[in-house]
Amino acid sequence: MSAQTEPISARQFLIAVVVMAIIVMASNVLVQYTINRWLTWGALSYPIAFLVADLINRRFGPGAARRVAYIGFVVALVASYWVASPRIALASGCAFLCAQLTDIHVFHRLRRLSWWRAPLLGGIAGALLDTFVFFSIAFAGTSVPWVTLMFGDLGVKLLINTGMLAPFRALMWNIGRPSAANSTHS
């Protein structure tokens, strides 16, 4: 663990897992409803998962972020079978895990650069992977115009990802940085 991270408490871990599971379950329901011919409601909610992962990664490090992603994946996958079709739940689980682990990896590699690069580039990489994996598993071979929806959702996710930089910056000062009591001073 680097001097810039601190251990995640059981309470913080539980909150992060619950928030992540809620985002994924809500997105699994919302992706089944289109706004128009090229966009689903799920595109509006899912990018928040990257914000949560990035804040955890910034404060507690990539190990904690990966643990939240793994547990959030299992909880969301099981719960998603009750709020969405099994195919949507499976597609969501695969896409979520691939995208979150990619975002966490990219974020960690870029964390020492300008504050905005890690969440922006990690979110872009994660959104690309998430969107392609999800739509190809969930809707390929169906009558759903999934390629059109995929590109529409991706465009909106990338816009929202960019918009998430403002809350990331605001929250990283309170949530995203180690507390003064746990920080090491040189």
N, C-alpha and C. Protein backbone atom coordinates (compact mmCIF):
# COMPACT_ATOMS: atom_id res chain seq x y z
N MET A 1 0.85 -1.17 0.00
CA MET A 1 0.00 0.00 0.00
C MET A 1 0.89 1.23 0.00
N SER A 2 0.56 2.22 -0.82
CA SER A 2 1.37 3.42 -0.90
C SER A 2 1.00 4.36 0.24
N ALA A 3 1.83 5.38 0.44
CA ALA A 3 1.59 6.36 1.49
C ALA A 3 0.34 7.18 1.19
N GLN A 4 -0.17 7.14 -0.02
CA GLN A 4 -1.33 7.93 -0.39
C GLN A 4 -2.65 7.21 -0.19
N THR A 5 -2.62 5.98 0.27
CA THR A 5 -3.86 5.25 0.50
C THR A 5 -3.92 4.83 1.95
N GLU A 6 -5.10 4.45 2.38
CA GLU A 6 -5.28 3.95 3.73
C GLU A 6 -6.14 2.70 3.67
N PRO A 7 -6.13 1.90 4.72
CA PRO A 7 -6.96 0.68 4.71
C PRO A 7 -8.45 1.06 4.71
N ILE A 8 -9.24 0.26 4.04
CA ILE A 8 -10.68 0.48 4.01
C ILE A 8 -11.30 -0.26 5.19
N SER A 9 -12.17 0.42 5.94
CA SER A 9 -12.82 -0.22 7.08
C SER A 9 -13.94 -1.13 6.58
N ALA A 10 -14.41 -1.99 7.45
CA ALA A 10 -15.51 -2.89 7.08
C ALA A 10 -16.76 -2.08 6.73
N ARG A 11 -17.02 -1.01 7.46
CA ARG A 11 -18.19 -0.16 7.20
C ARG A 11 -18.06 0.53 5.83
N GLN A 12 -16.90 1.09 5.55
CA GLN A 12 -16.67 1.75 4.26
C GLN A 12 -16.80 0.74 3.11
N PHE A 13 -16.27 -0.45 3.32
CA PHE A 13 -16.35 -1.50 2.30
C PHE A 13 -17.80 -1.88 2.03
N LEU A 14 -18.57 -2.08 3.10
CA LEU A 14 -19.97 -2.45 2.96
C LEU A 14 -20.75 -1.36 2.23
N ILE A 15 -20.53 -0.12 2.59
CA ILE A 15 -21.21 0.99 1.91
C ILE A 15 -20.86 1.00 0.43
N ALA A 16 -19.58 0.84 0.11
CA ALA A 16 -19.14 0.85 -1.30
C ALA A 16 -19.78 -0.29 -2.08
N VAL A 17 -19.83 -1.49 -1.50
CA VAL A 17 -20.44 -2.64 -2.18
C VAL A 17 -21.93 -2.41 -2.40
N VAL A 18 -22.62 -1.91 -1.39
CA VAL A 18 -24.06 -1.65 -1.52
C VAL A 18 -24.32 -0.60 -2.60
N VAL A 19 -23.55 0.48 -2.59
CA VAL A 19 -23.73 1.53 -3.60
C VAL A 19 -23.48 0.96 -5.00
N MET A 20 -22.42 0.19 -5.14
CA MET A 20 -22.09 -0.39 -6.44
C MET A 20 -23.20 -1.34 -6.90
N ALA A 21 -23.71 -2.16 -6.01
CA ALA A 21 -24.77 -3.11 -6.37
C ALA A 21 -26.05 -2.37 -6.76
N ILE A 22 -26.38 -1.29 -6.06
CA ILE A 22 -27.57 -0.51 -6.40
C ILE A 22 -27.43 0.10 -7.78
N ILE A 23 -26.26 0.65 -8.08
CA ILE A 23 -26.04 1.25 -9.40
C ILE A 23 -26.20 0.21 -10.50
N VAL A 24 -25.61 -0.95 -10.30
CA VAL A 24 -25.68 -1.99 -11.33
C VAL A 24 -27.11 -2.52 -11.48
N MET A 25 -27.79 -2.77 -10.38
CA MET A 25 -29.16 -3.27 -10.48
C MET A 25 -30.07 -2.24 -11.14
N ALA A 26 -29.94 -0.98 -10.75
CA ALA A 26 -30.75 0.06 -11.37
C ALA A 26 -30.46 0.14 -12.87
N SER A 27 -29.20 0.07 -13.23
CA SER A 27 -28.82 0.13 -14.64
C SER A 27 -29.36 -1.07 -15.41
N ASN A 28 -29.39 -2.24 -14.77
CA ASN A 28 -29.92 -3.44 -15.43
C ASN A 28 -31.41 -3.31 -15.72
N VAL A 29 -32.13 -2.65 -14.85
CA VAL A 29 -33.54 -2.41 -15.10
C VAL A 29 -33.68 -1.33 -16.17
N LEU A 30 -32.95 -0.24 -16.01
CA LEU A 30 -33.08 0.91 -16.91
C LEU A 30 -32.64 0.62 -18.34
N VAL A 31 -31.67 -0.30 -18.53
CA VAL A 31 -31.20 -0.59 -19.89
C VAL A 31 -32.26 -1.29 -20.72
N GLN A 32 -33.27 -1.79 -20.08
CA GLN A 32 -34.34 -2.48 -20.81
C GLN A 32 -35.38 -1.50 -21.38
N TYR A 33 -35.22 -0.22 -21.05
CA TYR A 33 -36.16 0.80 -21.52
C TYR A 33 -35.43 1.83 -22.35
N THR A 34 -35.93 2.04 -23.55
CA THR A 34 -35.28 3.00 -24.44
C THR A 34 -35.86 4.40 -24.22
N ILE A 35 -34.98 5.38 -24.39
CA ILE A 35 -35.40 6.78 -24.37
C ILE A 35 -35.85 7.16 -25.77
N ASN A 36 -35.09 6.69 -26.73
CA ASN A 36 -35.40 6.92 -28.14
C ASN A 36 -34.83 5.74 -28.92
N ARG A 37 -34.62 5.89 -30.20
CA ARG A 37 -34.16 4.77 -31.03
C ARG A 37 -32.69 4.43 -30.84
N TRP A 38 -31.93 5.26 -30.14
CA TRP A 38 -30.49 5.02 -30.01
C TRP A 38 -29.97 5.10 -28.58
N LEU A 39 -30.86 5.14 -27.60
CA LEU A 39 -30.40 5.33 -26.22
C LEU A 39 -31.32 4.65 -25.22
N THR A 40 -30.70 4.02 -24.21
CA THR A 40 -31.47 3.44 -23.11
C THR A 40 -31.24 4.28 -21.85
N TRP A 41 -32.14 4.12 -20.89
CA TRP A 41 -32.01 4.84 -19.62
C TRP A 41 -30.78 4.37 -18.84
N GLY A 42 -30.34 3.15 -19.07
CA GLY A 42 -29.18 2.63 -18.35
C GLY A 42 -27.90 3.41 -18.61
N ALA A 43 -27.80 4.05 -19.76
CA ALA A 43 -26.61 4.85 -20.08
C ALA A 43 -26.46 6.03 -19.13
N LEU A 44 -27.56 6.47 -18.54
CA LEU A 44 -27.50 7.63 -17.64
C LEU A 44 -27.06 7.26 -16.24
N SER A 45 -27.32 6.04 -15.82
CA SER A 45 -26.99 5.64 -14.45
C SER A 45 -25.66 4.91 -14.32
N TYR A 46 -25.30 4.12 -15.30
CA TYR A 46 -24.12 3.25 -15.14
C TYR A 46 -22.79 3.99 -14.94
N PRO A 47 -22.54 5.12 -15.59
CA PRO A 47 -21.24 5.78 -15.39
C PRO A 47 -20.94 6.17 -13.94
N ILE A 48 -21.96 6.21 -13.10
CA ILE A 48 -21.73 6.52 -11.69
C ILE A 48 -20.89 5.43 -11.04
N ALA A 49 -20.97 4.20 -11.55
CA ALA A 49 -20.16 3.10 -11.01
C ALA A 49 -18.67 3.40 -11.15
N PHE A 50 -18.27 4.05 -12.24
CA PHE A 50 -16.86 4.40 -12.41
C PHE A 50 -16.44 5.47 -11.42
N LEU A 51 -17.33 6.41 -11.13
CA LEU A 51 -17.03 7.43 -10.12
C LEU A 51 -16.78 6.78 -8.77
N VAL A 52 -17.64 5.84 -8.38
CA VAL A 52 -17.48 5.14 -7.10
C VAL A 52 -16.16 4.38 -7.07
N ALA A 53 -15.87 3.62 -8.12
CA ALA A 53 -14.62 2.85 -8.17
C ALA A 53 -13.40 3.76 -8.12
N ASP A 54 -13.46 4.88 -8.82
CA ASP A 54 -12.31 5.79 -8.85
C ASP A 54 -12.06 6.45 -7.49
N LEU A 55 -13.13 6.80 -6.79
CA LEU A 55 -12.96 7.38 -5.46
C LEU A 55 -12.38 6.36 -4.48
N ILE A 56 -12.84 5.12 -4.58
CA ILE A 56 -12.29 4.05 -3.73
C ILE A 56 -10.82 3.84 -4.07
N ASN A 57 -10.51 3.78 -5.35
CA ASN A 57 -9.14 3.58 -5.81
C ASN A 57 -8.25 4.72 -5.33
N ARG A 58 -8.72 5.97 -5.43
CA ARG A 58 -7.92 7.12 -5.02
C ARG A 58 -7.60 7.06 -3.53
N ARG A 59 -8.59 6.75 -2.71
CA ARG A 59 -8.38 6.78 -1.26
C ARG A 59 -7.80 5.50 -0.69
N PHE A 60 -8.29 4.35 -1.17
CA PHE A 60 -7.92 3.08 -0.55
C PHE A 60 -7.03 2.20 -1.41
N GLY A 61 -6.81 2.61 -2.66
CA GLY A 61 -5.92 1.86 -3.53
C GLY A 61 -6.65 0.86 -4.41
N PRO A 62 -5.93 0.31 -5.39
CA PRO A 62 -6.57 -0.59 -6.36
C PRO A 62 -7.02 -1.91 -5.74
N GLY A 63 -6.35 -2.39 -4.71
CA GLY A 63 -6.76 -3.65 -4.09
C GLY A 63 -8.16 -3.54 -3.49
N ALA A 64 -8.42 -2.46 -2.78
CA ALA A 64 -9.75 -2.25 -2.20
C ALA A 64 -10.79 -2.06 -3.30
N ALA A 65 -10.42 -1.32 -4.33
CA ALA A 65 -11.36 -1.09 -5.44
C ALA A 65 -11.70 -2.41 -6.14
N ARG A 66 -10.70 -3.27 -6.33
CA ARG A 66 -10.96 -4.57 -6.96
C ARG A 66 -11.86 -5.44 -6.06
N ARG A 67 -11.62 -5.43 -4.75
CA ARG A 67 -12.47 -6.22 -3.84
C ARG A 67 -13.92 -5.74 -3.91
N VAL A 68 -14.12 -4.42 -3.94
CA VAL A 68 -15.48 -3.89 -4.07
C VAL A 68 -16.08 -4.33 -5.40
N ALA A 69 -15.30 -4.29 -6.46
CA ALA A 69 -15.80 -4.73 -7.78
C ALA A 69 -16.18 -6.21 -7.76
N TYR A 70 -15.34 -7.06 -7.16
CA TYR A 70 -15.64 -8.49 -7.12
C TYR A 70 -16.91 -8.78 -6.32
N ILE A 71 -17.00 -8.22 -5.12
CA ILE A 71 -18.17 -8.46 -4.28
C ILE A 71 -19.39 -7.79 -4.89
N GLY A 72 -19.23 -6.56 -5.39
CA GLY A 72 -20.33 -5.87 -6.05
C GLY A 72 -20.84 -6.65 -7.24
N PHE A 73 -19.93 -7.27 -7.97
CA PHE A 73 -20.28 -8.11 -9.12
C PHE A 73 -21.17 -9.27 -8.68
N VAL A 74 -20.77 -9.99 -7.66
CA VAL A 74 -21.54 -11.15 -7.19
C VAL A 74 -22.91 -10.72 -6.67
N VAL A 75 -22.93 -9.68 -5.84
CA VAL A 75 -24.20 -9.21 -5.28
C VAL A 75 -25.12 -8.72 -6.40
N ALA A 76 -24.57 -7.94 -7.30
CA ALA A 76 -25.38 -7.40 -8.39
C ALA A 76 -25.85 -8.49 -9.35
N LEU A 77 -25.01 -9.47 -9.61
CA LEU A 77 -25.38 -10.55 -10.52
C LEU A 77 -26.55 -11.35 -9.95
N VAL A 78 -26.44 -11.72 -8.68
CA VAL A 78 -27.50 -12.50 -8.04
C VAL A 78 -28.79 -11.69 -7.98
N ALA A 79 -28.69 -10.44 -7.51
CA ALA A 79 -29.88 -9.60 -7.39
C ALA A 79 -30.47 -9.25 -8.75
N SER A 80 -29.61 -9.11 -9.75
CA SER A 80 -30.08 -8.73 -11.09
C SER A 80 -30.96 -9.80 -11.72
N TYR A 81 -30.78 -11.04 -11.32
CA TYR A 81 -31.65 -12.09 -11.84
C TYR A 81 -33.09 -11.86 -11.43
N TRP A 82 -33.30 -11.10 -10.34
CA TRP A 82 -34.65 -10.83 -9.88
C TRP A 82 -35.23 -9.56 -10.49
N VAL A 83 -34.39 -8.64 -10.94
CA VAL A 83 -34.90 -7.37 -11.47
C VAL A 83 -34.75 -7.27 -12.99
N ALA A 84 -34.07 -8.23 -13.59
CA ALA A 84 -33.88 -8.22 -15.04
C ALA A 84 -33.89 -9.65 -15.54
N SER A 85 -33.85 -9.81 -16.84
CA SER A 85 -33.82 -11.16 -17.40
C SER A 85 -32.46 -11.81 -17.11
N PRO A 86 -32.40 -13.14 -17.11
CA PRO A 86 -31.10 -13.81 -16.88
C PRO A 86 -30.04 -13.38 -17.91
N ARG A 87 -30.44 -13.16 -19.14
CA ARG A 87 -29.47 -12.75 -20.16
C ARG A 87 -28.92 -11.36 -19.85
N ILE A 88 -29.78 -10.44 -19.42
CA ILE A 88 -29.33 -9.09 -19.04
C ILE A 88 -28.41 -9.19 -17.82
N ALA A 89 -28.78 -10.02 -16.86
CA ALA A 89 -27.96 -10.17 -15.66
C ALA A 89 -26.58 -10.73 -16.00
N LEU A 90 -26.53 -11.74 -16.85
CA LEU A 90 -25.24 -12.33 -17.25
C LEU A 90 -24.41 -11.32 -18.03
N ALA A 91 -25.03 -10.63 -18.99
CA ALA A 91 -24.32 -9.62 -19.78
C ALA A 91 -23.79 -8.51 -18.88
N SER A 92 -24.62 -8.09 -17.95
CA SER A 92 -24.23 -7.03 -17.04
C SER A 92 -23.07 -7.47 -16.15
N GLY A 93 -23.15 -8.68 -15.64
CA GLY A 93 -22.08 -9.17 -14.77
C GLY A 93 -20.74 -9.24 -15.50
N CYS A 94 -20.75 -9.81 -16.68
CA CYS A 94 -19.50 -9.91 -17.47
C CYS A 94 -18.96 -8.53 -17.82
N ALA A 95 -19.85 -7.67 -18.30
CA ALA A 95 -19.42 -6.33 -18.70
C ALA A 95 -18.93 -5.53 -17.50
N PHE A 96 -19.66 -5.62 -16.38
CA PHE A 96 -19.30 -4.89 -15.18
C PHE A 96 -17.91 -5.27 -14.70
N LEU A 97 -17.67 -6.56 -14.57
CA LEU A 97 -16.39 -7.01 -14.04
C LEU A 97 -15.24 -6.62 -14.97
N CYS A 98 -15.39 -6.85 -16.26
CA CYS A 98 -14.33 -6.46 -17.21
C CYS A 98 -14.08 -4.96 -17.18
N ALA A 99 -15.15 -4.19 -17.21
CA ALA A 99 -15.02 -2.73 -17.26
C ALA A 99 -14.45 -2.16 -15.97
N GLN A 100 -14.93 -2.65 -14.84
CA GLN A 100 -14.43 -2.12 -13.57
C GLN A 100 -12.95 -2.46 -13.36
N LEU A 101 -12.57 -3.69 -13.67
CA LEU A 101 -11.16 -4.06 -13.50
C LEU A 101 -10.27 -3.26 -14.45
N THR A 102 -10.76 -2.98 -15.65
CA THR A 102 -10.01 -2.15 -16.60
C THR A 102 -9.89 -0.73 -16.07
N ASP A 103 -11.00 -0.15 -15.63
CA ASP A 103 -10.98 1.20 -15.07
C ASP A 103 -10.02 1.29 -13.89
N ILE A 104 -10.08 0.33 -12.99
CA ILE A 104 -9.21 0.32 -11.80
C ILE A 104 -7.75 0.25 -12.21
N HIS A 105 -7.44 -0.60 -13.17
CA HIS A 105 -6.06 -0.75 -13.63
C HIS A 105 -5.55 0.55 -14.28
N VAL A 106 -6.33 1.09 -15.20
CA VAL A 106 -5.91 2.32 -15.89
C VAL A 106 -5.80 3.46 -14.88
N PHE A 107 -6.77 3.60 -14.00
CA PHE A 107 -6.74 4.65 -12.99
C PHE A 107 -5.47 4.55 -12.15
N HIS A 108 -5.18 3.35 -11.68
CA HIS A 108 -3.99 3.17 -10.83
C HIS A 108 -2.71 3.53 -11.57
N ARG A 109 -2.61 3.14 -12.84
CA ARG A 109 -1.40 3.45 -13.63
C ARG A 109 -1.23 4.95 -13.83
N LEU A 110 -2.33 5.69 -13.86
CA LEU A 110 -2.27 7.13 -14.14
C LEU A 110 -2.49 8.01 -12.92
N ARG A 111 -2.63 7.43 -11.75
CA ARG A 111 -3.02 8.17 -10.56
C ARG A 111 -2.07 9.29 -10.17
N ARG A 112 -0.81 9.20 -10.54
CA ARG A 112 0.16 10.23 -10.15
C ARG A 112 0.21 11.40 -11.14
N LEU A 113 -0.51 11.31 -12.25
CA LEU A 113 -0.56 12.40 -13.22
C LEU A 113 -1.60 13.43 -12.77
N SER A 114 -1.92 14.37 -13.60
CA SER A 114 -2.93 15.37 -13.27
C SER A 114 -4.19 14.69 -12.74
N TRP A 115 -4.85 15.31 -11.78
CA TRP A 115 -5.98 14.70 -11.08
C TRP A 115 -7.06 14.19 -12.01
N TRP A 116 -7.25 14.79 -13.17
CA TRP A 116 -8.35 14.45 -14.05
C TRP A 116 -8.04 13.32 -15.03
N ARG A 117 -6.76 13.04 -15.25
CA ARG A 117 -6.41 12.04 -16.28
C ARG A 117 -6.83 10.62 -15.89
N ALA A 118 -6.56 10.24 -14.67
CA ALA A 118 -6.88 8.87 -14.25
C ALA A 118 -8.39 8.58 -14.33
N PRO A 119 -9.26 9.43 -13.75
CA PRO A 119 -10.69 9.11 -13.87
C PRO A 119 -11.22 9.25 -15.29
N LEU A 120 -10.71 10.19 -16.04
CA LEU A 120 -11.21 10.35 -17.42
C LEU A 120 -10.81 9.17 -18.29
N LEU A 121 -9.52 8.84 -18.32
CA LEU A 121 -9.05 7.77 -19.21
C LEU A 121 -9.48 6.39 -18.72
N GLY A 122 -9.49 6.19 -17.41
CA GLY A 122 -9.99 4.92 -16.87
C GLY A 122 -11.46 4.73 -17.20
N GLY A 123 -12.24 5.82 -17.06
CA GLY A 123 -13.66 5.77 -17.38
C GLY A 123 -13.92 5.52 -18.86
N ILE A 124 -13.11 6.14 -19.71
CA ILE A 124 -13.27 5.91 -21.15
C ILE A 124 -12.98 4.44 -21.49
N ALA A 125 -11.87 3.92 -20.98
CA ALA A 125 -11.53 2.51 -21.24
C ALA A 125 -12.62 1.59 -20.71
N GLY A 126 -13.08 1.86 -19.50
CA GLY A 126 -14.13 1.03 -18.91
C GLY A 126 -15.45 1.12 -19.66
N ALA A 127 -15.83 2.33 -20.07
CA ALA A 127 -17.09 2.51 -20.80
C ALA A 127 -17.07 1.80 -22.15
N LEU A 128 -15.94 1.89 -22.84
CA LEU A 128 -15.82 1.20 -24.14
C LEU A 128 -16.01 -0.31 -23.96
N LEU A 129 -15.28 -0.87 -23.02
CA LEU A 129 -15.35 -2.31 -22.79
C LEU A 129 -16.73 -2.71 -22.28
N ASP A 130 -17.25 -1.98 -21.31
CA ASP A 130 -18.56 -2.30 -20.74
C ASP A 130 -19.64 -2.31 -21.82
N THR A 131 -19.66 -1.27 -22.63
CA THR A 131 -20.71 -1.13 -23.63
C THR A 131 -20.65 -2.24 -24.67
N PHE A 132 -19.46 -2.51 -25.18
CA PHE A 132 -19.34 -3.57 -26.20
C PHE A 132 -19.70 -4.93 -25.62
N VAL A 133 -19.14 -5.27 -24.47
CA VAL A 133 -19.41 -6.59 -23.88
C VAL A 133 -20.89 -6.73 -23.53
N PHE A 134 -21.45 -5.71 -22.87
CA PHE A 134 -22.84 -5.80 -22.45
C PHE A 134 -23.79 -5.97 -23.63
N PHE A 135 -23.72 -5.06 -24.60
CA PHE A 135 -24.69 -5.11 -25.70
C PHE A 135 -24.52 -6.34 -26.57
N SER A 136 -23.29 -6.79 -26.76
CA SER A 136 -23.10 -7.97 -27.60
C SER A 136 -23.62 -9.23 -26.93
N ILE A 137 -23.51 -9.33 -25.61
CA ILE A 137 -24.05 -10.51 -24.91
C ILE A 137 -25.55 -10.38 -24.71
N ALA A 138 -26.01 -9.20 -24.30
CA ALA A 138 -27.42 -9.02 -23.95
C ALA A 138 -28.35 -9.06 -25.15
N PHE A 139 -27.93 -8.52 -26.29
CA PHE A 139 -28.88 -8.32 -27.36
C PHE A 139 -28.51 -8.91 -28.72
N ALA A 140 -27.28 -9.39 -28.89
CA ALA A 140 -26.92 -9.97 -30.19
C ALA A 140 -27.84 -11.15 -30.50
N GLY A 141 -28.30 -11.22 -31.74
CA GLY A 141 -29.19 -12.30 -32.14
C GLY A 141 -30.64 -12.07 -31.79
N THR A 142 -30.96 -10.91 -31.23
CA THR A 142 -32.35 -10.59 -30.92
C THR A 142 -32.85 -9.54 -31.92
N SER A 143 -34.11 -9.19 -31.81
CA SER A 143 -34.67 -8.16 -32.70
C SER A 143 -34.36 -6.74 -32.20
N VAL A 144 -33.73 -6.62 -31.06
CA VAL A 144 -33.36 -5.31 -30.51
C VAL A 144 -32.29 -4.69 -31.42
N PRO A 145 -32.44 -3.41 -31.78
CA PRO A 145 -31.42 -2.76 -32.62
C PRO A 145 -30.18 -2.43 -31.78
N TRP A 146 -29.49 -3.47 -31.36
CA TRP A 146 -28.46 -3.34 -30.33
C TRP A 146 -27.24 -2.55 -30.78
N VAL A 147 -26.87 -2.60 -32.04
CA VAL A 147 -25.70 -1.84 -32.49
C VAL A 147 -25.98 -0.34 -32.39
N THR A 148 -27.17 0.06 -32.82
CA THR A 148 -27.55 1.47 -32.70
C THR A 148 -27.60 1.89 -31.24
N LEU A 149 -28.24 1.06 -30.41
CA LEU A 149 -28.31 1.36 -28.98
C LEU A 149 -26.92 1.38 -28.34
N MET A 150 -26.05 0.47 -28.77
CA MET A 150 -24.70 0.41 -28.23
C MET A 150 -23.96 1.72 -28.47
N PHE A 151 -24.00 2.21 -29.70
CA PHE A 151 -23.28 3.45 -30.01
C PHE A 151 -23.93 4.66 -29.34
N GLY A 152 -25.24 4.68 -29.26
CA GLY A 152 -25.93 5.76 -28.55
C GLY A 152 -25.56 5.77 -27.08
N ASP A 153 -25.64 4.59 -26.44
CA ASP A 153 -25.29 4.49 -25.03
C ASP A 153 -23.83 4.85 -24.80
N LEU A 154 -22.94 4.39 -25.66
CA LEU A 154 -21.52 4.70 -25.50
C LEU A 154 -21.29 6.21 -25.55
N GLY A 155 -21.89 6.87 -26.51
CA GLY A 155 -21.72 8.32 -26.61
C GLY A 155 -22.17 9.03 -25.35
N VAL A 156 -23.33 8.64 -24.82
CA VAL A 156 -23.84 9.27 -23.60
C VAL A 156 -22.96 8.91 -22.40
N LYS A 157 -22.53 7.66 -22.30
CA LYS A 157 -21.64 7.26 -21.20
C LYS A 157 -20.35 8.07 -21.22
N LEU A 158 -19.80 8.30 -22.40
CA LEU A 158 -18.56 9.08 -22.49
C LEU A 158 -18.80 10.53 -22.08
N LEU A 159 -19.94 11.09 -22.47
CA LEU A 159 -20.27 12.45 -22.03
C LEU A 159 -20.45 12.52 -20.52
N ILE A 160 -21.18 11.56 -19.97
CA ILE A 160 -21.40 11.54 -18.53
C ILE A 160 -20.09 11.29 -17.80
N ASN A 161 -19.25 10.40 -18.34
CA ASN A 161 -17.94 10.16 -17.74
C ASN A 161 -17.15 11.46 -17.63
N THR A 162 -17.18 12.25 -18.67
CA THR A 162 -16.49 13.55 -18.64
C THR A 162 -17.14 14.46 -17.60
N GLY A 163 -18.47 14.45 -17.55
CA GLY A 163 -19.18 15.24 -16.54
C GLY A 163 -18.91 14.79 -15.12
N MET A 164 -18.55 13.52 -14.93
CA MET A 164 -18.25 13.00 -13.59
C MET A 164 -16.92 13.55 -13.04
N LEU A 165 -16.14 14.23 -13.87
CA LEU A 165 -14.89 14.82 -13.38
C LEU A 165 -15.16 15.87 -12.31
N ALA A 166 -16.23 16.64 -12.46
CA ALA A 166 -16.55 17.68 -11.47
C ALA A 166 -16.88 17.06 -10.10
N PRO A 167 -17.80 16.08 -10.03
CA PRO A 167 -18.03 15.48 -8.71
C PRO A 167 -16.81 14.72 -8.19
N PHE A 168 -16.03 14.10 -9.08
CA PHE A 168 -14.82 13.42 -8.64
C PHE A 168 -13.88 14.41 -7.95
N ARG A 169 -13.65 15.54 -8.59
CA ARG A 169 -12.76 16.55 -8.04
C ARG A 169 -13.28 17.05 -6.70
N ALA A 170 -14.58 17.32 -6.63
CA ALA A 170 -15.17 17.81 -5.38
C ALA A 170 -15.10 16.76 -4.28
N LEU A 171 -15.40 15.52 -4.62
CA LEU A 171 -15.43 14.46 -3.60
C LEU A 171 -14.04 13.96 -3.21
N MET A 172 -13.07 14.07 -4.10
CA MET A 172 -11.75 13.54 -3.76
C MET A 172 -11.12 14.30 -2.60
N TRP A 173 -11.55 15.51 -2.34
CA TRP A 173 -11.00 16.26 -1.21
C TRP A 173 -11.51 15.73 0.11
N ASN A 174 -12.69 15.14 0.13
CA ASN A 174 -13.23 14.58 1.37
C ASN A 174 -13.17 13.06 1.39
N ILE A 175 -13.63 12.45 0.31
CA ILE A 175 -13.68 10.99 0.24
C ILE A 175 -12.43 10.42 -0.40
N GLY A 176 -11.93 11.12 -1.37
CA GLY A 176 -10.85 10.59 -2.20
C GLY A 176 -9.46 10.73 -1.65
N ARG A 177 -9.30 11.35 -0.50
CA ARG A 177 -7.96 11.49 0.08
C ARG A 177 -7.92 10.82 1.44
N PRO A 178 -6.76 10.32 1.82
CA PRO A 178 -6.66 9.74 3.16
C PRO A 178 -6.95 10.78 4.22
N SER A 179 -7.54 10.33 5.32
CA SER A 179 -7.81 11.27 6.41
C SER A 179 -6.50 11.71 7.04
N ALA A 180 -6.52 12.88 7.66
CA ALA A 180 -5.30 13.45 8.25
C ALA A 180 -4.73 12.54 9.34
N ALA A 181 -5.60 11.86 10.06
CA ALA A 181 -5.13 10.99 11.14
C ALA A 181 -4.38 9.78 10.61
N ASN A 182 -4.72 9.32 9.41
CA ASN A 182 -4.10 8.12 8.86
C ASN A 182 -3.00 8.41 7.87
N SER A 183 -2.79 9.67 7.52
CA SER A 183 -1.76 10.01 6.54
C SER A 183 -0.39 9.97 7.17
N THR A 184 0.59 9.60 6.37
CA THR A 184 1.97 9.68 6.82
C THR A 184 2.56 10.95 6.29
N HIS A 185 3.33 11.61 7.13
CA HIS A 185 3.96 12.86 6.73
C HIS A 185 5.45 12.63 6.56
N SER A 186 6.02 13.21 5.50
CA SER A 186 7.44 13.04 5.26
C SER A 186 8.24 14.06 6.03
